[in-house]
Amino acid sequence: MEPRTFSFLIDGEGRRFFGPGPLALLAGVRTTGSLSASAKAMGMSYTKAMRILHDAEHALGVPLTVRSIGGEKGGSSSLTPEGEDFL
Protein backbone atom coordinates (compact mmCIF):
# COMPACT_ATOMS: atom_id res chain seq x y z
CA MET A 1 0.00 0.00 0.00
CA GLU A 2 1.18 3.51 -0.80
CA PRO A 3 -0.36 6.76 0.42
CA ARG A 4 -1.24 9.31 -2.26
CA THR A 5 -2.68 12.79 -2.19
CA PHE A 6 -4.68 14.40 -4.98
CA SER A 7 -5.57 18.07 -5.24
CA PHE A 8 -8.58 19.50 -7.01
CA LEU A 9 -9.76 23.01 -7.72
CA ILE A 10 -13.40 23.68 -6.87
CA ASP A 11 -15.55 26.37 -8.47
CA GLY A 12 -17.92 28.70 -6.60
CA GLU A 13 -20.71 26.13 -6.85
CA GLY A 14 -18.68 23.32 -5.29
CA ARG A 15 -17.91 21.48 -8.55
CA ARG A 16 -14.45 20.12 -9.26
CA PHE A 17 -13.06 21.64 -12.44
CA PHE A 18 -9.37 20.84 -12.32
CA GLY A 19 -7.35 17.94 -10.95
CA PRO A 20 -4.96 15.21 -12.10
CA GLY A 21 -6.92 14.36 -15.27
CA PRO A 22 -7.15 17.87 -16.70
CA LEU A 23 -3.54 18.44 -15.68
CA ALA A 24 -2.44 15.38 -17.68
CA LEU A 25 -4.61 16.51 -20.61
CA LEU A 26 -2.94 19.94 -20.74
CA ALA A 27 0.52 18.41 -20.33
CA GLY A 28 -0.29 16.16 -23.28
CA VAL A 29 -1.31 19.16 -25.38
CA ARG A 30 2.03 20.76 -24.54
CA THR A 31 3.87 17.59 -25.64
CA THR A 32 1.85 16.58 -28.70
CA GLY A 33 0.51 19.89 -29.98
CA SER A 34 -2.91 18.30 -30.21
CA LEU A 35 -5.89 18.04 -27.89
CA SER A 36 -7.09 15.03 -29.85
CA ALA A 37 -3.75 13.22 -29.52
CA SER A 38 -3.55 14.05 -25.82
CA ALA A 39 -7.06 12.71 -25.24
CA LYS A 40 -6.37 9.58 -27.29
CA ALA A 41 -3.19 8.86 -25.30
CA MET A 42 -5.29 9.00 -22.13
CA GLY A 43 -8.00 6.72 -23.55
CA MET A 44 -10.45 9.62 -23.52
CA SER A 45 -12.84 10.75 -26.23
CA TYR A 46 -12.19 14.09 -27.91
CA THR A 47 -15.67 15.23 -26.84
CA LYS A 48 -14.90 14.55 -23.18
CA ALA A 49 -11.54 16.33 -23.49
CA MET A 50 -13.27 19.38 -24.99
CA ARG A 51 -15.83 19.39 -22.15
CA ILE A 52 -13.10 19.17 -19.49
CA LEU A 53 -11.14 21.95 -21.14
CA HIS A 54 -14.22 24.14 -21.57
CA ASP A 55 -15.23 23.66 -17.92
CA ALA A 56 -11.74 24.61 -16.70
CA GLU A 57 -11.54 27.65 -18.97
CA HIS A 58 -15.01 28.78 -17.89
CA ALA A 59 -14.20 28.41 -14.18
CA LEU A 60 -10.85 30.19 -14.52
CA GLY A 61 -12.10 32.90 -16.86
CA VAL A 62 -9.13 32.54 -19.22
CA PRO A 63 -8.40 30.38 -22.26
CA LEU A 64 -5.89 27.60 -21.57
CA THR A 65 -5.36 26.55 -25.17
CA VAL A 66 -5.42 28.00 -28.65
CA ARG A 67 -6.94 25.67 -31.23
CA SER A 68 -6.71 25.79 -34.99
CA ILE A 69 -9.21 23.71 -36.92
CA GLY A 70 -8.60 21.71 -40.08
CA GLY A 71 -6.05 22.49 -42.68
CA GLU A 72 -3.92 20.19 -44.78
CA LYS A 73 -2.40 18.40 -41.78
CA GLY A 74 -5.47 18.68 -39.55
CA GLY A 75 -5.93 20.90 -36.54
CA SER A 76 -3.57 21.64 -33.72
CA SER A 77 -3.62 22.98 -30.17
CA SER A 78 -1.12 24.80 -28.04
CA LEU A 79 -1.17 26.24 -24.56
CA THR A 80 -1.80 29.94 -24.05
CA PRO A 81 0.56 31.81 -21.75
CA GLU A 82 -2.11 31.41 -19.05
CA GLY A 83 -2.23 27.67 -19.76
CA GLU A 84 1.54 27.44 -19.41
CA ASP A 85 1.44 29.40 -16.15
CA PHE A 86 -1.39 27.25 -14.88
CA LEU A 87 0.57 24.05 -15.46
C-alpha atoms as a PDB file:
ATOM      1  CA  MET A   1       0.000   0.000   0.000  1.00  0.00           C
ATOM      2  CA  GLU A   2       1.184   3.506  -0.796  1.00  0.00           C
ATOM      3  CA  PRO A   3      -0.362   6.757   0.420  1.00  0.00           C
ATOM      4  CA  ARG A   4      -1.242   9.311  -2.255  1.00  0.00           C
ATOM      5  CA  THR A   5      -2.684  12.793  -2.190  1.00  0.00           C
ATOM      6  CA  PHE A   6      -4.685  14.403  -4.981  1.00  0.00           C
ATOM      7  CA  SER A   7      -5.569  18.068  -5.238  1.00  0.00           C
ATOM      8  CA  PHE A   8      -8.580  19.497  -7.010  1.00  0.00           C
ATOM      9  CA  LEU A   9      -9.756  23.014  -7.720  1.00  0.00           C
ATOM     10  CA  ILE A  10     -13.398  23.679  -6.866  1.00  0.00           C
ATOM     11  CA  ASP A  11     -15.555  26.372  -8.471  1.00  0.00           C
ATOM     12  CA  GLY A  12     -17.918  28.696  -6.599  1.00  0.00           C
ATOM     13  CA  GLU A  13     -20.709  26.134  -6.855  1.00  0.00           C
ATOM     14  CA  GLY A  14     -18.682  23.316  -5.294  1.00  0.00           C
ATOM     15  CA  ARG A  15     -17.913  21.477  -8.547  1.00  0.00           C
ATOM     16  CA  ARG A  16     -14.449  20.121  -9.262  1.00  0.00           C
ATOM     17  CA  PHE A  17     -13.061  21.635 -12.437  1.00  0.00           C
ATOM     18  CA  PHE A  18      -9.370  20.838 -12.321  1.00  0.00           C
ATOM     19  CA  GLY A  19      -7.348  17.938 -10.954  1.00  0.00           C
ATOM     20  CA  PRO A  20      -4.958  15.213 -12.096  1.00  0.00           C
ATOM     21  CA  GLY A  21      -6.919  14.358 -15.268  1.00  0.00           C
ATOM     22  CA  PRO A  22      -7.146  17.866 -16.705  1.00  0.00           C
ATOM     23  CA  LEU A  23      -3.536  18.438 -15.676  1.00  0.00           C
ATOM     24  CA  ALA A  24      -2.442  15.383 -17.685  1.00  0.00           C
ATOM     25  CA  LEU A  25      -4.612  16.508 -20.605  1.00  0.00           C
ATOM     26  CA  LEU A  26      -2.937  19.938 -20.742  1.00  0.00           C
ATOM     27  CA  ALA A  27       0.520  18.410 -20.326  1.00  0.00           C
ATOM     28  CA  GLY A  28      -0.288  16.157 -23.283  1.00  0.00           C
ATOM     29  CA  VAL A  29      -1.315  19.165 -25.376  1.00  0.00           C
ATOM     30  CA  ARG A  30       2.030  20.761 -24.541  1.00  0.00           C
ATOM     31  CA  THR A  31       3.865  17.595 -25.635  1.00  0.00           C
ATOM     32  CA  THR A  32       1.853  16.578 -28.700  1.00  0.00           C
ATOM     33  CA  GLY A  33       0.514  19.895 -29.976  1.00  0.00           C
ATOM     34  CA  SER A  34      -2.909  18.303 -30.210  1.00  0.00           C
ATOM     35  CA  LEU A  35      -5.892  18.043 -27.890  1.00  0.00           C
ATOM     36  CA  SER A  36      -7.093  15.032 -29.850  1.00  0.00           C
ATOM     37  CA  ALA A  37      -3.752  13.216 -29.518  1.00  0.00           C
ATOM     38  CA  SER A  38      -3.554  14.046 -25.823  1.00  0.00           C
ATOM     39  CA  ALA A  39      -7.065  12.706 -25.236  1.00  0.00           C
ATOM     40  CA  LYS A  40      -6.369   9.576 -27.288  1.00  0.00           C
ATOM     41  CA  ALA A  41      -3.186   8.855 -25.305  1.00  0.00           C
ATOM     42  CA  MET A  42      -5.286   9.002 -22.132  1.00  0.00           C
ATOM     43  CA  GLY A  43      -7.996   6.724 -23.549  1.00  0.00           C
ATOM     44  CA  MET A  44     -10.449   9.620 -23.522  1.00  0.00           C
ATOM     45  CA  SER A  45     -12.843  10.748 -26.228  1.00  0.00           C
ATOM     46  CA  TYR A  46     -12.190  14.091 -27.906  1.00  0.00           C
ATOM     47  CA  THR A  47     -15.670  15.226 -26.838  1.00  0.00           C
ATOM     48  CA  LYS A  48     -14.903  14.549 -23.180  1.00  0.00           C
ATOM     49  CA  ALA A  49     -11.544  16.328 -23.489  1.00  0.00           C
ATOM     50  CA  MET A  50     -13.274  19.381 -24.988  1.00  0.00           C
ATOM     51  CA  ARG A  51     -15.827  19.393 -22.149  1.00  0.00           C
ATOM     52  CA  ILE A  52     -13.100  19.167 -19.493  1.00  0.00           C
ATOM     53  CA  LEU A  53     -11.137  21.955 -21.140  1.00  0.00           C
ATOM     54  CA  HIS A  54     -14.224  24.141 -21.567  1.00  0.00           C
ATOM     55  CA  ASP A  55     -15.234  23.658 -17.919  1.00  0.00           C
ATOM     56  CA  ALA A  56     -11.741  24.609 -16.701  1.00  0.00           C
ATOM     57  CA  GLU A  57     -11.537  27.651 -18.972  1.00  0.00           C
ATOM     58  CA  HIS A  58     -15.010  28.783 -17.889  1.00  0.00           C
ATOM     59  CA  ALA A  59     -14.201  28.407 -14.180  1.00  0.00           C
ATOM     60  CA  LEU A  60     -10.849  30.189 -14.517  1.00  0.00           C
ATOM     61  CA  GLY A  61     -12.099  32.897 -16.864  1.00  0.00           C
ATOM     62  CA  VAL A  62      -9.126  32.539 -19.222  1.00  0.00           C
ATOM     63  CA  PRO A  63      -8.399  30.376 -22.264  1.00  0.00           C
ATOM     64  CA  LEU A  64      -5.895  27.600 -21.567  1.00  0.00           C
ATOM     65  CA  THR A  65      -5.364  26.551 -25.171  1.00  0.00           C
ATOM     66  CA  VAL A  66      -5.417  28.001 -28.654  1.00  0.00           C
ATOM     67  CA  ARG A  67      -6.943  25.671 -31.228  1.00  0.00           C
ATOM     68  CA  SER A  68      -6.706  25.790 -34.994  1.00  0.00           C
ATOM     69  CA  ILE A  69      -9.206  23.708 -36.923  1.00  0.00           C
ATOM     70  CA  GLY A  70      -8.600  21.710 -40.076  1.00  0.00           C
ATOM     71  CA  GLY A  71      -6.051  22.490 -42.682  1.00  0.00           C
ATOM     72  CA  GLU A  72      -3.916  20.193 -44.776  1.00  0.00           C
ATOM     73  CA  LYS A  73      -2.397  18.397 -41.777  1.00  0.00           C
ATOM     74  CA  GLY A  74      -5.469  18.678 -39.551  1.00  0.00           C
ATOM     75  CA  GLY A  75      -5.929  20.904 -36.543  1.00  0.00           C
ATOM     76  CA  SER A  76      -3.572  21.643 -33.717  1.00  0.00           C
ATOM     77  CA  SER A  77      -3.622  22.978 -30.171  1.00  0.00           C
ATOM     78  CA  SER A  78      -1.124  24.800 -28.035  1.00  0.00           C
ATOM     79  CA  LEU A  79      -1.172  26.245 -24.563  1.00  0.00           C
ATOM     80  CA  THR A  80      -1.803  29.939 -24.052  1.00  0.00           C
ATOM     81  CA  PRO A  81       0.562  31.815 -21.751  1.00  0.00           C
ATOM     82  CA  GLU A  82      -2.109  31.413 -19.049  1.00  0.00           C
ATOM     83  CA  GLY A  83      -2.233  27.672 -19.760  1.00  0.00           C
ATOM     84  CA  GLU A  84       1.545  27.438 -19.411  1.00  0.00           C
ATOM     85  CA  ASP A  85       1.435  29.405 -16.154  1.00  0.00           C
ATOM     86  CA  PHE A  86      -1.387  27.249 -14.881  1.00  0.00           C
ATOM     87  CA  LEU A  87       0.574  24.052 -15.461  1.00  0.00           C
END
